[in-house]
Each structure stands twice: as C-alpha cells, then as structure tokens.
C-alpha cells in the first residue's frame, strides 16, 4: 500500500513539475511582450502555458484508472489536445483589432498560440522541445522586431488629417514629426465638402515613432480624424 502511494505521489510530482516548467516558459515569453507594452503580458502567457500543460497531462494520464479497470473502455488522448488549440484560437481573436485601417495584435495572438503549444509540449513530457521552442520564439521576437522596425523606418507613409477648422497647423505638424526623429517630406491641403483635409507624407524613424506621431496629432484640438495609408 505504501509503495503504491509513494508511486502515485512521485508521479504527481512529475506532473506538477511539468506544469511549473510550462509556467516559467510562458512567463519568459510574456515578459518580452510586456516590455513592448502589449495587452497580453506575463500573466496571460503564464496562464495559457500552465492551462495547456495541465490539459495535456489530463489528456495523457487523467483516464488511466478507467482504462486500466478492465471495463473495456478506450479513449483518444489527442482529443483534449486538439480542443486546446480550438480554445486558444478564441482567446487569440480577442487581442486582434483594427486601428487606422490596419490590423493590430497579430504577433501577440500568434505568440499566445505558440505559448499554448509550448505548454502542450512540456505537459506531454517533451521538456527539451518545449524549452528550446521558448528560446527560439524569444530570439525571433527580438530579432524580427528590430529588423521590421528598420525596414518600416525606411518607407514613406501618407497620413490623411481631417480638420474641424481652417486653422493653419502645418508648422505644428512638422514639429511633431521632427520631435520623434522622423522626416516630413510634404504637406498638401485640400477640401472635401467644405472641410479642410491635409495629406502629409513622412518617413518615420520606425514603427513606434509612427504610432507616437499619429497619437500626438490626434491630441491637437483642430484635428477631427486621421488615418494612415
């Protein structure tokens, strides 16, 4: 009897260790996201990895008492694992939104999906694969973020600004662009149904500076709306 209890406890300790390792991996991934001020940060990624690992453990070992009872039951261990992906897909959809006629949050959603996969791998006992995937994911996030910022920083962006008055704000707009290390190429003024519209072409320093520029312009009292080409 004692041997049986000792065996059960040692097995449960291994399961808890898997859940813990998955939580650590999720926390590392979430930390990188939180450093970029993303809505899905450390806690979200930890919970996703922890829950995925636990579901994977249940999927593989949670029905051993039924299957070994000689009652003729059988089960497919992949069913719960498959539904983890389905559930995570709904969670990922919640962090994707449209802003300025562009889709935001795709990278964060993909990161949550990958975090779930890491949790599943560790929950299944594939420690090395899960940990290595975490390292690869962090490296890709950091390297590709810097690379994409440099690429986007060399591209011209057009910003359409709808004004609620005829005020001349070209100088103030130029100052905002310069403040964030970007270059103003041109400003063209036109009218649409009596409302003045400015078309401004800039070369942003990077993706972050473009977002800072648009946020600053929106705070101007004469700006009614804007969107980026």
C-alpha atoms as a PDB file:
ATOM      1  CA  UNK A   1       0.000   0.000   0.000  1.00  0.00           C
ATOM      2  CA  UNK A   2       2.795   2.401   0.936  1.00  0.00           C
ATOM      3  CA  UNK A   3       4.650   1.548  -2.245  1.00  0.00           C
ATOM      4  CA  UNK A   4       1.539   2.343  -4.273  1.00  0.00           C
ATOM      5  CA  UNK A   5       1.054   5.715  -2.530  1.00  0.00           C
ATOM      6  CA  UNK A   6       4.731   6.552  -2.962  1.00  0.00           C
ATOM      7  CA  UNK A   7       4.491   5.746  -6.656  1.00  0.00           C
ATOM      8  CA  UNK A   8       1.381   7.923  -7.042  1.00  0.00           C
ATOM      9  CA  UNK A   9       2.999  10.857  -5.233  1.00  0.00           C
ATOM     10  CA  UNK A  10       6.186  10.658  -7.300  1.00  0.00           C
ATOM     11  CA  UNK A  11       4.112  10.573 -10.478  1.00  0.00           C
ATOM     12  CA  UNK A  12       2.064  13.591  -9.393  1.00  0.00           C
ATOM     13  CA  UNK A  13       5.268  15.474  -8.553  1.00  0.00           C
ATOM     14  CA  UNK A  14       6.443  14.934 -12.131  1.00  0.00           C
ATOM     15  CA  UNK A  15       3.130  16.280 -13.429  1.00  0.00           C
ATOM     16  CA  UNK A  16       3.385  19.369 -11.203  1.00  0.00           C
ATOM     17  CA  UNK A  17       6.967  19.868 -12.382  1.00  0.00           C
ATOM     18  CA  UNK A  18       5.768  19.867 -15.987  1.00  0.00           C
ATOM     19  CA  UNK A  19       3.115  22.467 -15.214  1.00  0.00           C
ATOM     20  CA  UNK A  20       5.693  24.588 -13.366  1.00  0.00           C
ATOM     21  CA  UNK A  21       8.236  24.456 -16.206  1.00  0.00           C
ATOM     22  CA  UNK A  22       5.496  25.374 -18.689  1.00  0.00           C
ATOM     23  CA  UNK A  23       4.560  28.347 -16.481  1.00  0.00           C
ATOM     24  CA  UNK A  24       8.166  29.551 -16.426  1.00  0.00           C
ATOM     25  CA  UNK A  25       8.415  29.304 -20.221  1.00  0.00           C
ATOM     26  CA  UNK A  26       5.127  31.179 -20.589  1.00  0.00           C
ATOM     27  CA  UNK A  27       6.363  33.864 -18.200  1.00  0.00           C
ATOM     28  CA  UNK A  28       9.550  34.359 -20.222  1.00  0.00           C
ATOM     29  CA  UNK A  29       7.562  34.767 -23.429  1.00  0.00           C
ATOM     30  CA  UNK A  30       5.099  37.099 -21.691  1.00  0.00           C
ATOM     31  CA  UNK A  31       7.906  39.229 -20.273  1.00  0.00           C
ATOM     32  CA  UNK A  32       9.153  40.009 -23.792  1.00  0.00           C
ATOM     33  CA  UNK A  33       5.614  41.023 -24.796  1.00  0.00           C
ATOM     34  CA  UNK A  34       5.095  43.172 -21.701  1.00  0.00           C
ATOM     35  CA  UNK A  35       8.313  45.072 -22.457  1.00  0.00           C
ATOM     36  CA  UNK A  36       6.630  46.250 -25.667  1.00  0.00           C
ATOM     37  CA  UNK A  37       3.544  47.417 -23.743  1.00  0.00           C
ATOM     38  CA  UNK A  38       1.279  44.704 -25.165  1.00  0.00           C
ATOM     39  CA  UNK A  39      -2.079  43.929 -23.566  1.00  0.00           C
ATOM     40  CA  UNK A  40      -1.281  40.204 -23.303  1.00  0.00           C
ATOM     41  CA  UNK A  41       1.702  40.175 -20.946  1.00  0.00           C
ATOM     42  CA  UNK A  42       3.290  37.960 -18.328  1.00  0.00           C
ATOM     43  CA  UNK A  43       0.134  36.796 -16.544  1.00  0.00           C
ATOM     44  CA  UNK A  44      -1.732  35.947 -19.734  1.00  0.00           C
ATOM     45  CA  UNK A  45       1.111  33.888 -21.161  1.00  0.00           C
ATOM     46  CA  UNK A  46       1.742  32.106 -17.857  1.00  0.00           C
ATOM     47  CA  UNK A  47      -1.925  31.109 -17.564  1.00  0.00           C
ATOM     48  CA  UNK A  48      -2.038  29.963 -21.203  1.00  0.00           C
ATOM     49  CA  UNK A  49       1.084  27.811 -20.821  1.00  0.00           C
ATOM     50  CA  UNK A  50       0.010  26.460 -17.416  1.00  0.00           C
ATOM     51  CA  UNK A  51      -3.504  25.588 -18.601  1.00  0.00           C
ATOM     52  CA  UNK A  52      -2.245  23.963 -21.786  1.00  0.00           C
ATOM     53  CA  UNK A  53       0.281  21.844 -19.879  1.00  0.00           C
ATOM     54  CA  UNK A  54      -2.335  20.759 -17.345  1.00  0.00           C
ATOM     55  CA  UNK A  55      -4.826  19.845 -20.088  1.00  0.00           C
ATOM     56  CA  UNK A  56      -2.122  17.852 -21.835  1.00  0.00           C
ATOM     57  CA  UNK A  57      -1.311  15.946 -18.637  1.00  0.00           C
ATOM     58  CA  UNK A  58      -5.003  15.195 -18.142  1.00  0.00           C
ATOM     59  CA  UNK A  59      -5.318  14.120 -21.769  1.00  0.00           C
ATOM     60  CA  UNK A  60      -2.460  11.630 -21.463  1.00  0.00           C
ATOM     61  CA  UNK A  61      -2.800  10.352 -17.890  1.00  0.00           C
ATOM     62  CA  UNK A  62      -6.118  11.506 -16.443  1.00  0.00           C
ATOM     63  CA  UNK A  63      -8.063   8.434 -17.527  1.00  0.00           C
ATOM     64  CA  UNK A  64      -5.590   5.703 -16.592  1.00  0.00           C
ATOM     65  CA  UNK A  65      -7.828   4.441 -13.775  1.00  0.00           C
ATOM     66  CA  UNK A  66     -10.734   3.941 -16.191  1.00  0.00           C
ATOM     67  CA  UNK A  67      -8.652   2.428 -18.979  1.00  0.00           C
ATOM     68  CA  UNK A  68      -6.857   0.006 -16.659  1.00  0.00           C
ATOM     69  CA  UNK A  69     -10.018  -1.105 -14.865  1.00  0.00           C
ATOM     70  CA  UNK A  70     -10.748  -3.912 -17.301  1.00  0.00           C
ATOM     71  CA  UNK A  71     -14.118  -2.429 -18.253  1.00  0.00           C
ATOM     72  CA  UNK A  72     -13.344  -2.287 -21.948  1.00  0.00           C
ATOM     73  CA  UNK A  73     -13.190   1.492 -22.213  1.00  0.00           C
ATOM     74  CA  UNK A  74     -10.933   3.200 -24.751  1.00  0.00           C
ATOM     75  CA  UNK A  75     -10.071   6.846 -25.341  1.00  0.00           C
ATOM     76  CA  UNK A  76      -8.242   9.071 -27.795  1.00  0.00           C
ATOM     77  CA  UNK A  77      -5.549  11.007 -25.952  1.00  0.00           C
ATOM     78  CA  UNK A  78      -5.407  13.629 -28.711  1.00  0.00           C
ATOM     79  CA  UNK A  79      -8.992  14.857 -28.278  1.00  0.00           C
ATOM     80  CA  UNK A  80      -8.309  17.203 -25.366  1.00  0.00           C
ATOM     81  CA  UNK A  81      -5.089  18.391 -27.010  1.00  0.00           C
ATOM     82  CA  UNK A  82      -6.995  19.255 -30.182  1.00  0.00           C
ATOM     83  CA  UNK A  83      -9.548  21.257 -28.212  1.00  0.00           C
ATOM     84  CA  UNK A  84      -6.782  23.248 -26.531  1.00  0.00           C
ATOM     85  CA  UNK A  85      -5.928  24.730 -29.929  1.00  0.00           C
ATOM     86  CA  UNK A  86      -9.613  25.498 -30.577  1.00  0.00           C
ATOM     87  CA  UNK A  87      -9.988  27.267 -27.232  1.00  0.00           C
ATOM     88  CA  UNK A  88      -6.781  29.247 -27.633  1.00  0.00           C
ATOM     89  CA  UNK A  89      -7.962  30.414 -31.056  1.00  0.00           C
ATOM     90  CA  UNK A  90     -10.898  32.215 -29.422  1.00  0.00           C
ATOM     91  CA  UNK A  91      -8.544  33.838 -26.924  1.00  0.00           C
ATOM     92  CA  UNK A  92      -6.220  34.957 -29.735  1.00  0.00           C
ATOM     93  CA  UNK A  93      -9.140  36.543 -31.581  1.00  0.00           C
ATOM     94  CA  UNK A  94      -9.685  38.795 -28.567  1.00  0.00           C
ATOM     95  CA  UNK A  95      -6.306  40.524 -28.930  1.00  0.00           C
ATOM     96  CA  UNK A  96      -6.682  41.276 -32.647  1.00  0.00           C
ATOM     97  CA  UNK A  97      -8.273  44.613 -33.518  1.00  0.00           C
ATOM     98  CA  UNK A  98      -8.373  47.159 -36.329  1.00  0.00           C
ATOM     99  CA  UNK A  99      -6.722  50.542 -35.909  1.00  0.00           C
ATOM    100  CA  UNK A 100      -6.181  53.156 -38.583  1.00  0.00           C
ATOM    101  CA  UNK A 101      -7.286  50.767 -41.322  1.00  0.00           C
ATOM    102  CA  UNK A 102      -4.643  48.232 -40.332  1.00  0.00           C
ATOM    103  CA  UNK A 103      -4.761  45.060 -38.283  1.00  0.00           C
ATOM    104  CA  UNK A 104      -3.045  45.136 -34.894  1.00  0.00           C
ATOM    105  CA  UNK A 105      -2.278  42.345 -32.449  1.00  0.00           C
ATOM    106  CA  UNK A 106      -1.461  39.571 -34.908  1.00  0.00           C
ATOM    107  CA  UNK A 107       2.004  38.995 -33.460  1.00  0.00           C
ATOM    108  CA  UNK A 108       0.653  38.898 -29.908  1.00  0.00           C
ATOM    109  CA  UNK A 109      -2.072  36.453 -30.956  1.00  0.00           C
ATOM    110  CA  UNK A 110       0.469  34.227 -32.685  1.00  0.00           C
ATOM    111  CA  UNK A 111       2.637  34.395 -29.567  1.00  0.00           C
ATOM    112  CA  UNK A 112      -0.246  33.233 -27.366  1.00  0.00           C
ATOM    113  CA  UNK A 113      -0.930  30.376 -29.783  1.00  0.00           C
ATOM    114  CA  UNK A 114       2.749  29.364 -29.740  1.00  0.00           C
ATOM    115  CA  UNK A 115       2.818  29.632 -25.932  1.00  0.00           C
ATOM    116  CA  UNK A 116      -0.058  27.169 -25.773  1.00  0.00           C
ATOM    117  CA  UNK A 117       1.920  24.797 -27.988  1.00  0.00           C
ATOM    118  CA  UNK A 118       4.933  25.132 -25.668  1.00  0.00           C
ATOM    119  CA  UNK A 119       2.728  24.268 -22.692  1.00  0.00           C
ATOM    120  CA  UNK A 120       1.338  21.253 -24.529  1.00  0.00           C
ATOM    121  CA  UNK A 121       4.819  20.011 -25.383  1.00  0.00           C
ATOM    122  CA  UNK A 122       6.040  20.258 -21.790  1.00  0.00           C
ATOM    123  CA  UNK A 123       2.798  18.765 -20.492  1.00  0.00           C
ATOM    124  CA  UNK A 124       3.415  15.795 -22.766  1.00  0.00           C
ATOM    125  CA  UNK A 125       6.878  15.351 -21.257  1.00  0.00           C
ATOM    126  CA  UNK A 126       8.822  16.897 -24.154  1.00  0.00           C
ATOM    127  CA  UNK A 127      10.852  19.192 -21.911  1.00  0.00           C
ATOM    128  CA  UNK A 128      13.750  19.810 -24.268  1.00  0.00           C
ATOM    129  CA  UNK A 129      11.496  20.579 -27.213  1.00  0.00           C
ATOM    130  CA  UNK A 130       9.334  22.983 -25.204  1.00  0.00           C
ATOM    131  CA  UNK A 131      12.260  24.864 -23.658  1.00  0.00           C
ATOM    132  CA  UNK A 132      14.141  25.117 -26.969  1.00  0.00           C
ATOM    133  CA  UNK A 133      10.986  26.389 -28.669  1.00  0.00           C
ATOM    134  CA  UNK A 134      10.682  29.072 -25.992  1.00  0.00           C
ATOM    135  CA  UNK A 135      14.253  30.217 -26.624  1.00  0.00           C
ATOM    136  CA  UNK A 136      13.721  30.235 -30.399  1.00  0.00           C
ATOM    137  CA  UNK A 137      10.475  32.185 -30.010  1.00  0.00           C
ATOM    138  CA  UNK A 138      12.121  34.864 -27.850  1.00  0.00           C
ATOM    139  CA  UNK A 139      15.034  35.226 -30.262  1.00  0.00           C
ATOM    140  CA  UNK A 140      12.694  35.554 -33.241  1.00  0.00           C
ATOM    141  CA  UNK A 141      10.534  38.132 -31.457  1.00  0.00           C
ATOM    142  CA  UNK A 142      13.505  40.322 -30.571  1.00  0.00           C
ATOM    143  CA  UNK A 143      15.447  39.988 -33.841  1.00  0.00           C
ATOM    144  CA  UNK A 144      12.471  40.316 -36.177  1.00  0.00           C
ATOM    145  CA  UNK A 145      11.077  43.268 -34.228  1.00  0.00           C
ATOM    146  CA  UNK A 146      14.315  45.188 -34.687  1.00  0.00           C
ATOM    147  CA  UNK A 147      14.560  44.161 -38.336  1.00  0.00           C
ATOM    148  CA  UNK A 148      10.972  45.130 -39.152  1.00  0.00           C
ATOM    149  CA  UNK A 149      11.423  48.487 -37.402  1.00  0.00           C
ATOM    150  CA  UNK A 150      14.412  49.282 -39.606  1.00  0.00           C
ATOM    151  CA  UNK A 151      12.582  48.197 -42.769  1.00  0.00           C
ATOM    152  CA  UNK A 152       9.420  50.143 -41.935  1.00  0.00           C
ATOM    153  CA  UNK A 153      11.514  53.133 -40.923  1.00  0.00           C
ATOM    154  CA  UNK A 154      12.814  53.464 -44.484  1.00  0.00           C
ATOM    155  CA  UNK A 155       9.340  53.562 -46.033  1.00  0.00           C
ATOM    156  CA  UNK A 156       7.283  56.666 -46.687  1.00  0.00           C
ATOM    157  CA  UNK A 157       3.900  56.886 -45.008  1.00  0.00           C
ATOM    158  CA  UNK A 158       0.945  59.019 -46.020  1.00  0.00           C
ATOM    159  CA  UNK A 159      -1.264  60.480 -43.298  1.00  0.00           C
ATOM    160  CA  UNK A 160      -4.659  61.998 -44.097  1.00  0.00           C
ATOM    161  CA  UNK A 161      -5.771  64.511 -41.459  1.00  0.00           C
ATOM    162  CA  UNK A 162      -9.314  65.853 -41.373  1.00  0.00           C
ATOM    163  CA  UNK A 163      -9.557  69.239 -39.616  1.00  0.00           C
ATOM    164  CA  UNK A 164     -12.548  70.816 -37.918  1.00  0.00           C
ATOM    165  CA  UNK A 165     -11.430  74.381 -38.738  1.00  0.00           C
ATOM    166  CA  UNK A 166      -9.386  76.342 -41.275  1.00  0.00           C
ATOM    167  CA  UNK A 167      -6.520  76.855 -38.831  1.00  0.00           C
ATOM    168  CA  UNK A 168      -3.007  76.678 -40.259  1.00  0.00           C
ATOM    169  CA  UNK A 169      -1.273  73.899 -38.314  1.00  0.00           C
ATOM    170  CA  UNK A 170       1.478  72.921 -40.792  1.00  0.00           C
ATOM    171  CA  UNK A 171       4.248  74.247 -38.543  1.00  0.00           C
ATOM    172  CA  UNK A 172       2.936  72.352 -35.517  1.00  0.00           C
ATOM    173  CA  UNK A 173       2.632  69.130 -37.544  1.00  0.00           C
ATOM    174  CA  UNK A 174       6.199  69.494 -38.769  1.00  0.00           C
ATOM    175  CA  UNK A 175       7.381  69.978 -35.190  1.00  0.00           C
ATOM    176  CA  UNK A 176       5.626  66.776 -34.100  1.00  0.00           C
ATOM    177  CA  UNK A 177       7.247  64.761 -36.893  1.00  0.00           C
ATOM    178  CA  UNK A 178      10.690  66.150 -36.079  1.00  0.00           C
ATOM    179  CA  UNK A 179      10.230  65.558 -32.348  1.00  0.00           C
ATOM    180  CA  UNK A 180      10.043  61.799 -32.911  1.00  0.00           C
ATOM    181  CA  UNK A 181      13.117  61.644 -35.140  1.00  0.00           C
ATOM    182  CA  UNK A 182      11.217  61.364 -38.436  1.00  0.00           C
ATOM    183  CA  UNK A 183      11.316  63.354 -41.683  1.00  0.00           C
ATOM    184  CA  UNK A 184       8.494  65.418 -43.167  1.00  0.00           C
ATOM    185  CA  UNK A 185       8.506  65.274 -46.972  1.00  0.00           C
ATOM    186  CA  UNK A 186       5.406  67.246 -47.889  1.00  0.00           C
ATOM    187  CA  UNK A 187       2.059  68.609 -46.718  1.00  0.00           C
ATOM    188  CA  UNK A 188      -0.773  69.113 -49.192  1.00  0.00           C
ATOM    189  CA  UNK A 189      -4.007  70.905 -48.305  1.00  0.00           C
ATOM    190  CA  UNK A 190      -7.315  70.135 -49.960  1.00  0.00           C
ATOM    191  CA  UNK A 191     -11.027  70.471 -49.229  1.00  0.00           C
ATOM    192  CA  UNK A 192     -13.779  67.848 -49.010  1.00  0.00           C
ATOM    193  CA  UNK A 193     -17.371  69.099 -48.619  1.00  0.00           C
ATOM    194  CA  UNK A 194     -16.066  72.305 -47.143  1.00  0.00           C
ATOM    195  CA  UNK A 195     -13.854  70.566 -44.591  1.00  0.00           C
ATOM    196  CA  UNK A 196     -10.083  71.048 -44.888  1.00  0.00           C
ATOM    197  CA  UNK A 197      -8.012  67.863 -45.256  1.00  0.00           C
ATOM    198  CA  UNK A 198      -4.229  67.628 -45.034  1.00  0.00           C
ATOM    199  CA  UNK A 199      -2.225  64.938 -46.794  1.00  0.00           C
ATOM    200  CA  UNK A 200       1.122  64.616 -45.065  1.00  0.00           C
ATOM    201  CA  UNK A 201       3.941  62.388 -46.370  1.00  0.00           C
ATOM    202  CA  UNK A 202       6.610  61.425 -43.842  1.00  0.00           C
ATOM    203  CA  UNK A 203       9.495  58.990 -43.425  1.00  0.00           C
ATOM    204  CA  UNK A 204       9.094  57.595 -39.898  1.00  0.00           C
ATOM    205  CA  UNK A 205      12.153  56.587 -37.913  1.00  0.00           C
ATOM    206  CA  UNK A 206      10.477  53.268 -37.077  1.00  0.00           C
ATOM    207  CA  UNK A 207       7.054  51.772 -36.460  1.00  0.00           C
ATOM    208  CA  UNK A 208       6.957  53.045 -32.875  1.00  0.00           C
ATOM    209  CA  UNK A 209       7.660  56.634 -33.924  1.00  0.00           C
ATOM    210  CA  UNK A 210       4.845  56.486 -36.494  1.00  0.00           C
ATOM    211  CA  UNK A 211       2.406  55.492 -33.764  1.00  0.00           C
ATOM    212  CA  UNK A 212       3.715  58.268 -31.499  1.00  0.00           C
ATOM    213  CA  UNK A 213       3.282  60.801 -34.299  1.00  0.00           C
ATOM    214  CA  UNK A 214      -0.315  59.807 -35.015  1.00  0.00           C
ATOM    215  CA  UNK A 215      -1.197  59.786 -31.303  1.00  0.00           C
ATOM    216  CA  UNK A 216       0.260  63.285 -30.891  1.00  0.00           C
ATOM    217  CA  UNK A 217      -1.599  64.615 -33.933  1.00  0.00           C
ATOM    218  CA  UNK A 218      -4.888  63.241 -32.604  1.00  0.00           C
ATOM    219  CA  UNK A 219      -4.401  65.275 -29.436  1.00  0.00           C
ATOM    220  CA  UNK A 220      -4.372  68.520 -31.431  1.00  0.00           C
ATOM    221  CA  UNK A 221      -7.588  70.470 -30.912  1.00  0.00           C
ATOM    222  CA  UNK A 222      -8.130  71.173 -34.630  1.00  0.00           C
ATOM    223  CA  UNK A 223      -7.913  67.524 -35.700  1.00  0.00           C
ATOM    224  CA  UNK A 224     -11.213  65.763 -36.270  1.00  0.00           C
ATOM    225  CA  UNK A 225      -9.888  62.446 -37.589  1.00  0.00           C
ATOM    226  CA  UNK A 226      -6.923  60.858 -39.357  1.00  0.00           C
ATOM    227  CA  UNK A 227      -5.835  57.629 -40.979  1.00  0.00           C
ATOM    228  CA  UNK A 228      -2.556  56.230 -42.289  1.00  0.00           C
ATOM    229  CA  UNK A 229      -2.194  54.909 -45.824  1.00  0.00           C
END
